[in-house]
Amino acid sequence: MKHFLLEGEHLMPFAAVSARLVDEHHAFLQRGYDEGHFLFSGPQIPAHGGFLVARAPSRQALDELLAGEPFVREGMMRFSRVTEFDPVQHQDALANWFGGKRG
């Protein structure tokens, strides 16, 4: 499994995003958590974008998953930076999520 740090960039002011689309975004994220794809996410302060830590078998699989993200789908956000990383150290509580890797 590969691990990624993603930085999302809003392409329009967040205040202009409809409540329906925000709800769809939260539902997309929850599915990602429920299916084990996402570890954490949250907005930048101020809300010009956000961060997401994700895992997937490959970059291609990650891109396919993210294509369904509502803000991306509607052209309101893009992932301006996607960095694969190797989680060699982490808190013990994260061992299962990172596949038991320890530094």
PDB file of N, CA and C in Angstrom:
ATOM      1  N   MET A   1       0.853  -1.180   0.000  1.00  0.00           N
ATOM      2  CA  MET A   1       0.000   0.000   0.000  1.00  0.00           C
ATOM      3  C   MET A   1       0.893   1.236   0.000  1.00  0.00           C
ATOM      4  N   LYS A   2       0.527   2.219  -0.795  1.00  0.00           N
ATOM      5  CA  LYS A   2       1.265   3.484  -0.871  1.00  0.00           C
ATOM      6  C   LYS A   2       0.520   4.539  -0.060  1.00  0.00           C
ATOM      7  N   HIS A   3       1.278   5.483   0.510  1.00  0.00           N
ATOM      8  CA  HIS A   3       0.712   6.531   1.357  1.00  0.00           C
ATOM      9  C   HIS A   3       1.006   7.897   0.747  1.00  0.00           C
ATOM     10  N   PHE A   4       0.018   8.816   0.862  1.00  0.00           N
ATOM     11  CA  PHE A   4       0.111  10.101   0.182  1.00  0.00           C
ATOM     12  C   PHE A   4      -0.356  11.236   1.093  1.00  0.00           C
ATOM     13  N   LEU A   5       0.337  12.359   0.964  1.00  0.00           N
ATOM     14  CA  LEU A   5      -0.096  13.620   1.570  1.00  0.00           C
ATOM     15  C   LEU A   5      -0.568  14.490   0.420  1.00  0.00           C
ATOM     16  N   LEU A   6      -1.814  14.953   0.502  1.00  0.00           N
ATOM     17  CA  LEU A   6      -2.402  15.748  -0.572  1.00  0.00           C
ATOM     18  C   LEU A   6      -2.735  17.139  -0.068  1.00  0.00           C
ATOM     19  N   GLU A   7      -2.455  18.115  -0.901  1.00  0.00           N
ATOM     20  CA  GLU A   7      -2.860  19.482  -0.617  1.00  0.00           C
ATOM     21  C   GLU A   7      -3.865  19.914  -1.673  1.00  0.00           C
ATOM     22  N   GLY A   8      -5.072  20.236  -1.214  1.00  0.00           N
ATOM     23  CA  GLY A   8      -6.109  20.714  -2.117  1.00  0.00           C
ATOM     24  C   GLY A   8      -6.111  22.228  -2.162  1.00  0.00           C
ATOM     25  N   GLU A   9      -6.418  22.768  -3.317  1.00  0.00           N
ATOM     26  CA  GLU A   9      -6.449  24.221  -3.519  1.00  0.00           C
ATOM     27  C   GLU A   9      -7.814  24.600  -4.085  1.00  0.00           C
ATOM     28  N   HIS A  10      -8.534  25.462  -3.371  1.00  0.00           N
ATOM     29  CA  HIS A  10      -9.821  25.942  -3.879  1.00  0.00           C
ATOM     30  C   HIS A  10      -9.570  26.853  -5.073  1.00  0.00           C
ATOM     31  N   LEU A  11     -10.382  26.693  -6.102  1.00  0.00           N
ATOM     32  CA  LEU A  11     -10.270  27.503  -7.308  1.00  0.00           C
ATOM     33  C   LEU A  11     -11.292  28.631  -7.327  1.00  0.00           C
ATOM     34  N   MET A  12     -12.068  28.724  -6.260  1.00  0.00           N
ATOM     35  CA  MET A  12     -13.035  29.805  -6.081  1.00  0.00           C
ATOM     36  C   MET A  12     -13.184  30.003  -4.580  1.00  0.00           C
ATOM     37  N   PRO A  13     -13.702  31.132  -4.127  1.00  0.00           N
ATOM     38  CA  PRO A  13     -13.873  31.333  -2.687  1.00  0.00           C
ATOM     39  C   PRO A  13     -14.776  30.253  -2.083  1.00  0.00           C
ATOM     40  N   PHE A  14     -14.359  29.718  -0.937  1.00  0.00           N
ATOM     41  CA  PHE A  14     -15.129  28.653  -0.306  1.00  0.00           C
ATOM     42  C   PHE A  14     -16.548  29.125   0.025  1.00  0.00           C
ATOM     43  N   ALA A  15     -16.707  30.381   0.357  1.00  0.00           N
ATOM     44  CA  ALA A  15     -18.030  30.911   0.688  1.00  0.00           C
ATOM     45  C   ALA A  15     -19.011  30.791  -0.478  1.00  0.00           C
ATOM     46  N   ALA A  16     -18.495  30.643  -1.698  1.00  0.00           N
ATOM     47  CA  ALA A  16     -19.354  30.539  -2.877  1.00  0.00           C
ATOM     48  C   ALA A  16     -19.809  29.107  -3.150  1.00  0.00           C
ATOM     49  N   VAL A  17     -19.313  28.148  -2.389  1.00  0.00           N
ATOM     50  CA  VAL A  17     -19.663  26.745  -2.599  1.00  0.00           C
ATOM     51  C   VAL A  17     -21.026  26.477  -1.963  1.00  0.00           C
ATOM     52  N   SER A  18     -21.885  25.783  -2.682  1.00  0.00           N
ATOM     53  CA  SER A  18     -23.237  25.512  -2.176  1.00  0.00           C
ATOM     54  C   SER A  18     -23.202  24.527  -1.009  1.00  0.00           C
ATOM     55  N   ALA A  19     -24.204  24.640  -0.143  1.00  0.00           N
ATOM     56  CA  ALA A  19     -24.321  23.725   1.005  1.00  0.00           C
ATOM     57  C   ALA A  19     -24.482  22.290   0.525  1.00  0.00           C
ATOM     58  N   ARG A  20     -25.169  22.081  -0.590  1.00  0.00           N
ATOM     59  CA  ARG A  20     -25.346  20.740  -1.145  1.00  0.00           C
ATOM     60  C   ARG A  20     -24.002  20.124  -1.498  1.00  0.00           C
ATOM     61  N   LEU A  21     -23.143  20.910  -2.115  1.00  0.00           N
ATOM     62  CA  LEU A  21     -21.832  20.403  -2.515  1.00  0.00           C
ATOM     63  C   LEU A  21     -20.948  20.137  -1.287  1.00  0.00           C
ATOM     64  N   VAL A  22     -21.056  20.970  -0.274  1.00  0.00           N
ATOM     65  CA  VAL A  22     -20.308  20.727   0.967  1.00  0.00           C
ATOM     66  C   VAL A  22     -20.768  19.404   1.584  1.00  0.00           C
ATOM     67  N   ASP A  23     -22.081  19.160   1.595  1.00  0.00           N
ATOM     68  CA  ASP A  23     -22.599  17.893   2.118  1.00  0.00           C
ATOM     69  C   ASP A  23     -22.072  16.707   1.314  1.00  0.00           C
ATOM     70  N   GLU A  24     -22.040  16.835  -0.012  1.00  0.00           N
ATOM     71  CA  GLU A  24     -21.507  15.770  -0.868  1.00  0.00           C
ATOM     72  C   GLU A  24     -20.021  15.540  -0.578  1.00  0.00           C
ATOM     73  N   HIS A  25     -19.282  16.615  -0.359  1.00  0.00           N
ATOM     74  CA  HIS A  25     -17.856  16.531  -0.032  1.00  0.00           C
ATOM     75  C   HIS A  25     -17.659  15.746   1.269  1.00  0.00           C
ATOM     76  N   HIS A  26     -18.438  16.093   2.298  1.00  0.00           N
ATOM     77  CA  HIS A  26     -18.321  15.391   3.579  1.00  0.00           C
ATOM     78  C   HIS A  26     -18.703  13.919   3.440  1.00  0.00           C
ATOM     79  N   ALA A  27     -19.718  13.618   2.642  1.00  0.00           N
ATOM     80  CA  ALA A  27     -20.120  12.228   2.405  1.00  0.00           C
ATOM     81  C   ALA A  27     -19.012  11.465   1.668  1.00  0.00           C
ATOM     82  N   PHE A  28     -18.375  12.105   0.686  1.00  0.00           N
ATOM     83  CA  PHE A  28     -17.252  11.488  -0.031  1.00  0.00           C
ATOM     84  C   PHE A  28     -16.125  11.149   0.948  1.00  0.00           C
ATOM     85  N   LEU A  29     -15.775  12.108   1.799  1.00  0.00           N
ATOM     86  CA  LEU A  29     -14.718  11.869   2.778  1.00  0.00           C
ATOM     87  C   LEU A  29     -15.098  10.732   3.722  1.00  0.00           C
ATOM     88  N   GLN A  30     -16.341  10.720   4.198  1.00  0.00           N
ATOM     89  CA  GLN A  30     -16.759   9.666   5.125  1.00  0.00           C
ATOM     90  C   GLN A  30     -16.653   8.287   4.476  1.00  0.00           C
ATOM     91  N   ARG A  31     -17.052   8.178   3.196  1.00  0.00           N
ATOM     92  CA  ARG A  31     -16.892   6.894   2.492  1.00  0.00           C
ATOM     93  C   ARG A  31     -15.422   6.500   2.445  1.00  0.00           C
ATOM     94  N   GLY A  32     -14.547   7.495   2.205  1.00  0.00           N
ATOM     95  CA  GLY A  32     -13.110   7.219   2.177  1.00  0.00           C
ATOM     96  C   GLY A  32     -12.594   6.725   3.514  1.00  0.00           C
ATOM     97  N   TYR A  33     -13.107   7.297   4.601  1.00  0.00           N
ATOM     98  CA  TYR A  33     -12.729   6.808   5.937  1.00  0.00           C
ATOM     99  C   TYR A  33     -13.286   5.409   6.164  1.00  0.00           C
ATOM    100  N   ASP A  34     -14.557   5.208   5.840  1.00  0.00           N
ATOM    101  CA  ASP A  34     -15.204   3.917   6.067  1.00  0.00           C
ATOM    102  C   ASP A  34     -14.530   2.798   5.280  1.00  0.00           C
ATOM    103  N   GLU A  35     -14.040   3.108   4.085  1.00  0.00           N
ATOM    104  CA  GLU A  35     -13.395   2.106   3.232  1.00  0.00           C
ATOM    105  C   GLU A  35     -11.898   1.983   3.505  1.00  0.00           C
ATOM    106  N   GLY A  36     -11.369   2.804   4.427  1.00  0.00           N
ATOM    107  CA  GLY A  36      -9.970   2.701   4.804  1.00  0.00           C
ATOM    108  C   GLY A  36      -8.994   3.447   3.915  1.00  0.00           C
ATOM    109  N   HIS A  37      -9.483   4.343   3.069  1.00  0.00           N
ATOM    110  CA  HIS A  37      -8.606   5.103   2.174  1.00  0.00           C
ATOM    111  C   HIS A  37      -7.972   6.314   2.847  1.00  0.00           C
ATOM    112  N   PHE A  38      -8.683   6.936   3.785  1.00  0.00           N
ATOM    113  CA  PHE A  38      -8.237   8.207   4.359  1.00  0.00           C
ATOM    114  C   PHE A  38      -7.931   8.061   5.841  1.00  0.00           C
ATOM    115  N   LEU A  39      -6.885   8.765   6.283  1.00  0.00           N
ATOM    116  CA  LEU A  39      -6.506   8.787   7.694  1.00  0.00           C
ATOM    117  C   LEU A  39      -7.015  10.058   8.367  1.00  0.00           C
ATOM    118  N   PHE A  40      -6.770  11.216   7.752  1.00  0.00           N
ATOM    119  CA  PHE A  40      -7.308  12.469   8.273  1.00  0.00           C
ATOM    120  C   PHE A  40      -7.377  13.494   7.164  1.00  0.00           C
ATOM    121  N   SER A  41      -8.203  14.515   7.406  1.00  0.00           N
ATOM    122  CA  SER A  41      -8.356  15.607   6.447  1.00  0.00           C
ATOM    123  C   SER A  41      -8.807  16.841   7.205  1.00  0.00           C
ATOM    124  N   GLY A  42      -8.623  17.990   6.590  1.00  0.00           N
ATOM    125  CA  GLY A  42      -9.094  19.218   7.198  1.00  0.00           C
ATOM    126  C   GLY A  42      -8.723  20.420   6.361  1.00  0.00           C
ATOM    127  N   PRO A  43      -9.442  21.535   6.605  1.00  0.00           N
ATOM    128  CA  PRO A  43      -9.197  22.751   5.826  1.00  0.00           C
ATOM    129  C   PRO A  43      -7.955  23.490   6.302  1.00  0.00           C
ATOM    130  N   GLN A  44      -7.386  24.239   5.384  1.00  0.00           N
ATOM    131  CA  GLN A  44      -6.353  25.198   5.750  1.00  0.00           C
ATOM    132  C   GLN A  44      -7.033  26.341   6.491  1.00  0.00           C
ATOM    133  N   ILE A  45      -6.266  27.064   7.269  1.00  0.00           N
ATOM    134  CA  ILE A  45      -6.772  28.249   7.971  1.00  0.00           C
ATOM    135  C   ILE A  45      -5.997  29.447   7.448  1.00  0.00           C
ATOM    136  N   PRO A  46      -6.598  30.418   6.771  1.00  0.00           N
ATOM    137  CA  PRO A  46      -7.984  30.468   6.321  1.00  0.00           C
ATOM    138  C   PRO A  46      -8.249  29.420   5.238  1.00  0.00           C
ATOM    139  N   ALA A  47      -9.527  29.218   4.920  1.00  0.00           N
ATOM    140  CA  ALA A  47      -9.974  28.120   4.043  1.00  0.00           C
ATOM    141  C   ALA A  47      -9.699  28.402   2.572  1.00  0.00           C
ATOM    142  N   HIS A  48      -8.436  28.225   2.184  1.00  0.00           N
ATOM    143  CA  HIS A  48      -8.048  28.344   0.763  1.00  0.00           C
ATOM    144  C   HIS A  48      -7.861  26.981   0.127  1.00  0.00           C
ATOM    145  N   GLY A  49      -8.051  25.946   0.909  1.00  0.00           N
ATOM    146  CA  GLY A  49      -7.851  24.574   0.469  1.00  0.00           C
ATOM    147  C   GLY A  49      -7.808  23.686   1.690  1.00  0.00           C
ATOM    148  N   GLY A  50      -7.201  22.521   1.543  1.00  0.00           N
ATOM    149  CA  GLY A  50      -7.146  21.611   2.670  1.00  0.00           C
ATOM    150  C   GLY A  50      -6.102  20.541   2.478  1.00  0.00           C
ATOM    151  N   PHE A  51      -6.001  19.677   3.475  1.00  0.00           N
ATOM    152  CA  PHE A  51      -5.032  18.587   3.464  1.00  0.00           C
ATOM    153  C   PHE A  51      -5.739  17.266   3.684  1.00  0.00           C
ATOM    154  N   LEU A  52      -5.160  16.214   3.125  1.00  0.00           N
ATOM    155  CA  LEU A  52      -5.708  14.870   3.229  1.00  0.00           C
ATOM    156  C   LEU A  52      -4.542  13.890   3.248  1.00  0.00           C
ATOM    157  N   VAL A  53      -4.575  12.939   4.163  1.00  0.00           N
ATOM    158  CA  VAL A  53      -3.629  11.826   4.138  1.00  0.00           C
ATOM    159  C   VAL A  53      -4.417  10.611   3.688  1.00  0.00           C
ATOM    160  N   ALA A  54      -3.923   9.965   2.632  1.00  0.00           N
ATOM    161  CA  ALA A  54      -4.643   8.866   1.997  1.00  0.00           C
ATOM    162  C   ALA A  54      -3.695   7.708   1.711  1.00  0.00           C
ATOM    163  N   ARG A  55      -4.293   6.553   1.451  1.00  0.00           N
ATOM    164  CA  ARG A  55      -3.516   5.401   1.004  1.00  0.00           C
ATOM    165  C   ARG A  55      -4.269   4.731  -0.139  1.00  0.00           C
ATOM    166  N   ALA A  56      -3.488   4.107  -1.008  1.00  0.00           N
ATOM    167  CA  ALA A  56      -4.048   3.419  -2.171  1.00  0.00           C
ATOM    168  C   ALA A  56      -2.990   2.454  -2.699  1.00  0.00           C
ATOM    169  N   PRO A  57      -3.397   1.458  -3.462  1.00  0.00           N
ATOM    170  CA  PRO A  57      -2.418   0.516  -4.016  1.00  0.00           C
ATOM    171  C   PRO A  57      -1.431   1.171  -4.989  1.00  0.00           C
ATOM    172  N   SER A  58      -1.856   2.277  -5.634  1.00  0.00           N
ATOM    173  CA  SER A  58      -1.003   2.961  -6.611  1.00  0.00           C
ATOM    174  C   SER A  58      -1.461   4.404  -6.760  1.00  0.00           C
ATOM    175  N   ARG A  59      -0.654   5.205  -7.406  1.00  0.00           N
ATOM    176  CA  ARG A  59      -1.040   6.593  -7.688  1.00  0.00           C
ATOM    177  C   ARG A  59      -2.242   6.615  -8.621  1.00  0.00           C
ATOM    178  N   GLN A  60      -2.262   5.692  -9.577  1.00  0.00           N
ATOM    179  CA  GLN A  60      -3.396   5.625 -10.506  1.00  0.00           C
ATOM    180  C   GLN A  60      -4.689   5.323  -9.754  1.00  0.00           C
ATOM    181  N   ALA A  61      -4.646   4.390  -8.813  1.00  0.00           N
ATOM    182  CA  ALA A  61      -5.839   4.062  -8.025  1.00  0.00           C
ATOM    183  C   ALA A  61      -6.275   5.263  -7.187  1.00  0.00           C
ATOM    184  N   LEU A  62      -5.319   6.002  -6.630  1.00  0.00           N
ATOM    185  CA  LEU A  62      -5.639   7.208  -5.874  1.00  0.00           C
ATOM    186  C   LEU A  62      -6.315   8.239  -6.779  1.00  0.00           C
ATOM    187  N   ASP A  63      -5.750   8.468  -7.960  1.00  0.00           N
ATOM    188  CA  ASP A  63      -6.331   9.443  -8.896  1.00  0.00           C
ATOM    189  C   ASP A  63      -7.758   9.061  -9.282  1.00  0.00           C
ATOM    190  N   GLU A  64      -7.998   7.773  -9.470  1.00  0.00           N
ATOM    191  CA  GLU A  64      -9.347   7.313  -9.817  1.00  0.00           C
ATOM    192  C   GLU A  64     -10.314   7.574  -8.669  1.00  0.00           C
ATOM    193  N   LEU A  65      -9.871   7.322  -7.447  1.00  0.00           N
ATOM    194  CA  LEU A  65     -10.697   7.593  -6.274  1.00  0.00           C
ATOM    195  C   LEU A  65     -11.010   9.084  -6.164  1.00  0.00           C
ATOM    196  N   LEU A  66     -10.000   9.920  -6.320  1.00  0.00           N
ATOM    197  CA  LEU A  66     -10.156  11.364  -6.140  1.00  0.00           C
ATOM    198  C   LEU A  66     -10.962  12.021  -7.251  1.00  0.00           C
ATOM    199  N   ALA A  67     -11.076  11.379  -8.393  1.00  0.00           N
ATOM    200  CA  ALA A  67     -11.872  11.930  -9.494  1.00  0.00           C
ATOM    201  C   ALA A  67     -13.332  12.085  -9.089  1.00  0.00           C
ATOM    202  N   GLY A  68     -13.776  11.304  -8.098  1.00  0.00           N
ATOM    203  CA  GLY A  68     -15.148  11.395  -7.629  1.00  0.00           C
ATOM    204  C   GLY A  68     -15.373  12.428  -6.535  1.00  0.00           C
ATOM    205  N   GLU A  69     -14.318  13.117  -6.114  1.00  0.00           N
ATOM    206  CA  GLU A  69     -14.461  14.137  -5.066  1.00  0.00           C
ATOM    207  C   GLU A  69     -15.317  15.270  -5.626  1.00  0.00           C
ATOM    208  N   PRO A  70     -16.412  15.648  -4.947  1.00  0.00           N
ATOM    209  CA  PRO A  70     -17.348  16.617  -5.522  1.00  0.00           C
ATOM    210  C   PRO A  70     -16.752  17.965  -5.893  1.00  0.00           C
ATOM    211  N   PHE A  71     -15.888  18.546  -5.079  1.00  0.00           N
ATOM    212  CA  PHE A  71     -15.292  19.839  -5.421  1.00  0.00           C
ATOM    213  C   PHE A  71     -14.417  19.716  -6.675  1.00  0.00           C
ATOM    214  N   VAL A  72     -13.688  18.613  -6.779  1.00  0.00           N
ATOM    215  CA  VAL A  72     -12.843  18.369  -7.961  1.00  0.00           C
ATOM    216  C   VAL A  72     -13.727  18.165  -9.183  1.00  0.00           C
ATOM    217  N   ARG A  73     -14.724  17.316  -9.036  1.00  0.00           N
ATOM    218  CA  ARG A  73     -15.642  17.006 -10.134  1.00  0.00           C
ATOM    219  C   ARG A  73     -16.293  18.253 -10.706  1.00  0.00           C
ATOM    220  N   GLU A  74     -16.628  19.233  -9.842  1.00  0.00           N
ATOM    221  CA  GLU A  74     -17.294  20.468 -10.274  1.00  0.00           C
ATOM    222  C   GLU A  74     -16.306  21.573 -10.660  1.00  0.00           C
ATOM    223  N   GLY A  75     -15.003  21.288 -10.665  1.00  0.00           N
ATOM    224  CA  GLY A  75     -14.009  22.283 -11.062  1.00  0.00           C
ATOM    225  C   GLY A  75     -13.776  23.377 -10.039  1.00  0.00           C
ATOM    226  N   MET A  76     -14.108  23.116  -8.782  1.00  0.00           N
ATOM    227  CA  MET A  76     -13.967  24.125  -7.732  1.00  0.00           C
ATOM    228  C   MET A  76     -12.705  23.931  -6.899  1.00  0.00           C
ATOM    229  N   MET A  77     -12.033  22.806  -7.082  1.00  0.00           N
ATOM    230  CA  MET A  77     -10.820  22.510  -6.326  1.00  0.00           C
ATOM    231  C   MET A  77      -9.942  21.598  -7.168  1.00  0.00           C
ATOM    232  N   ARG A  78      -8.661  21.675  -6.896  1.00  0.00           N
ATOM    233  CA  ARG A  78      -7.721  20.731  -7.510  1.00  0.00           C
ATOM    234  C   ARG A  78      -6.729  20.316  -6.438  1.00  0.00           C
ATOM    235  N   PHE A  79      -6.176  19.134  -6.613  1.00  0.00           N
ATOM    236  CA  PHE A  79      -5.106  18.707  -5.725  1.00  0.00           C
ATOM    237  C   PHE A  79      -3.806  19.227  -6.336  1.00  0.00           C
ATOM    238  N   SER A  80      -3.331  20.349  -5.787  1.00  0.00           N
ATOM    239  CA  SER A  80      -2.173  21.040  -6.346  1.00  0.00           C
ATOM    240  C   SER A  80      -0.870  20.340  -5.994  1.00  0.00           C
ATOM    241  N   ARG A  81      -0.924  19.494  -4.980  1.00  0.00           N
ATOM    242  CA  ARG A  81       0.294  18.789  -4.578  1.00  0.00           C
ATOM    243  C   ARG A  81      -0.100  17.419  -4.026  1.00  0.00           C
ATOM    244  N   VAL A  82       0.486  16.368  -4.588  1.00  0.00           N
ATOM    245  CA  VAL A  82       0.278  15.000  -4.125  1.00  0.00           C
ATOM    246  C   VAL A  82       1.661  14.407  -3.940  1.00  0.00           C
ATOM    247  N   THR A  83       1.996  14.083  -2.689  1.00  0.00           N
ATOM    248  CA  THR A  83       3.328  13.589  -2.364  1.00  0.00           C
ATOM    249  C   THR A  83       3.222  12.208  -1.750  1.00  0.00           C
ATOM    250  N   GLU A  84       3.858  11.239  -2.381  1.00  0.00           N
ATOM    251  CA  GLU A  84       3.927   9.903  -1.788  1.00  0.00           C
ATOM    252  C   GLU A  84       4.993   9.935  -0.692  1.00  0.00           C
ATOM    253  N   PHE A  85       4.723   9.257   0.428  1.00  0.00           N
ATOM    254  CA  PHE A  85       5.705   9.213   1.505  1.00  0.00           C
ATOM    255  C   PHE A  85       5.747   7.818   2.113  1.00  0.00           C
ATOM    256  N   ASP A  86       6.836   7.546   2.813  1.00  0.00           N
ATOM    257  CA  ASP A  86       7.038   6.262   3.476  1.00  0.00           C
ATOM    258  C   ASP A  86       6.925   6.488   4.980  1.00  0.00           C
ATOM    259  N   PRO A  87       5.861   6.007   5.626  1.00  0.00           N
ATOM    260  CA  PRO A  87       5.630   6.264   7.048  1.00  0.00           C
ATOM    261  C   PRO A  87       6.504   5.380   7.943  1.00  0.00           C
ATOM    262  N   VAL A  88       7.777   5.700   8.027  1.00  0.00           N
ATOM    263  CA  VAL A  88       8.694   4.843   8.780  1.00  0.00           C
ATOM    264  C   VAL A  88       8.575   4.991  10.288  1.00  0.00           C
ATOM    265  N   GLN A  89       8.019   6.089  10.777  1.00  0.00           N
ATOM    266  CA  GLN A  89       7.779   6.268  12.208  1.00  0.00           C
ATOM    267  C   GLN A  89       6.393   6.839  12.412  1.00  0.00           C
ATOM    268  N   HIS A  90       5.735   6.373  13.466  1.00  0.00           N
ATOM    269  CA  HIS A  90       4.397   6.867  13.785  1.00  0.00           C
ATOM    270  C   HIS A  90       4.019   6.396  15.176  1.00  0.00           C
ATOM    271  N   GLN A  91       2.954   6.957  15.694  1.00  0.00           N
ATOM    272  CA  GLN A  91       2.412   6.516  16.972  1.00  0.00           C
ATOM    273  C   GLN A  91       1.927   5.066  16.843  1.00  0.00           C
ATOM    274  N   ASP A  92       2.054   4.300  17.928  1.00  0.00           N
ATOM    275  CA  ASP A  92       1.620   2.903  17.914  1.00  0.00           C
ATOM    276  C   ASP A  92       0.159   2.759  17.481  1.00  0.00           C
ATOM    277  N   ALA A  93      -0.670   3.726  17.834  1.00  0.00           N
ATOM    278  CA  ALA A  93      -2.092   3.668  17.497  1.00  0.00           C
ATOM    279  C   ALA A  93      -2.338   3.641  15.983  1.00  0.00           C
ATOM    280  N   LEU A  94      -1.349   4.037  15.194  1.00  0.00           N
ATOM    281  CA  LEU A  94      -1.501   4.080  13.731  1.00  0.00           C
ATOM    282  C   LEU A  94      -0.910   2.857  13.039  1.00  0.00           C
ATOM    283  N   ALA A  95      -0.396   1.910  13.781  1.00  0.00           N
ATOM    284  CA  ALA A  95       0.285   0.751  13.188  1.00  0.00           C
ATOM    285  C   ALA A  95      -0.600  -0.003  12.202  1.00  0.00           C
ATOM    286  N   ASN A  96      -1.864  -0.227  12.539  1.00  0.00           N
ATOM    287  CA  ASN A  96      -2.745  -0.949  11.620  1.00  0.00           C
ATOM    288  C   ASN A  96      -2.976  -0.176  10.335  1.00  0.00           C
ATOM    289  N   TRP A  97      -3.149   1.137  10.447  1.00  0.00           N
ATOM    290  CA  TRP A  97      -3.427   1.932   9.251  1.00  0.00           C
ATOM    291  C   TRP A  97      -2.224   1.953   8.315  1.00  0.00           C
ATOM    292  N   PHE A  98      -1.018   2.024   8.887  1.00  0.00           N
ATOM    293  CA  PHE A  98       0.192   2.068   8.079  1.00  0.00           C
ATOM    294  C   PHE A  98       0.730   0.669   7.777  1.00  0.00           C
ATOM    295  N   GLY A  99      -0.025  -0.356   8.055  1.00  0.00           N
ATOM    296  CA  GLY A  99       0.381  -1.707   7.685  1.00  0.00           C
ATOM    297  C   GLY A  99       1.452  -2.282   8.583  1.00  0.00           C
ATOM    298  N   GLY A 100       1.512  -1.827   9.831  1.00  0.00           N
ATOM    299  CA  GLY A 100       2.466  -2.384  10.785  1.00  0.00           C
ATOM    300  C   GLY A 100       3.884  -1.878  10.639  1.00  0.00           C
ATOM    301  N   LYS A 101       4.126  -0.952   9.702  1.00  0.00           N
ATOM    302  CA  LYS A 101       5.484  -0.409   9.525  1.00  0.00           C
ATOM    303  C   LYS A 101       5.928   0.327  10.775  1.00  0.00           C
ATOM    304  N   ARG A 102       7.157   0.139  11.150  1.00  0.00           N
ATOM    305  CA  ARG A 102       7.761   0.868  12.278  1.00  0.00           C
ATOM    306  C   ARG A 102       9.189   1.192  11.915  1.00  0.00           C
ATOM    307  N   GLY A 103       9.621   2.365  12.373  1.00  0.00           N
ATOM    308  CA  GLY A 103      10.992   2.781  12.120  1.00  0.00           C
ATOM    309  C   GLY A 103      11.929   2.328  13.196  1.00  0.00           C
TER     310      GLY A 103
END
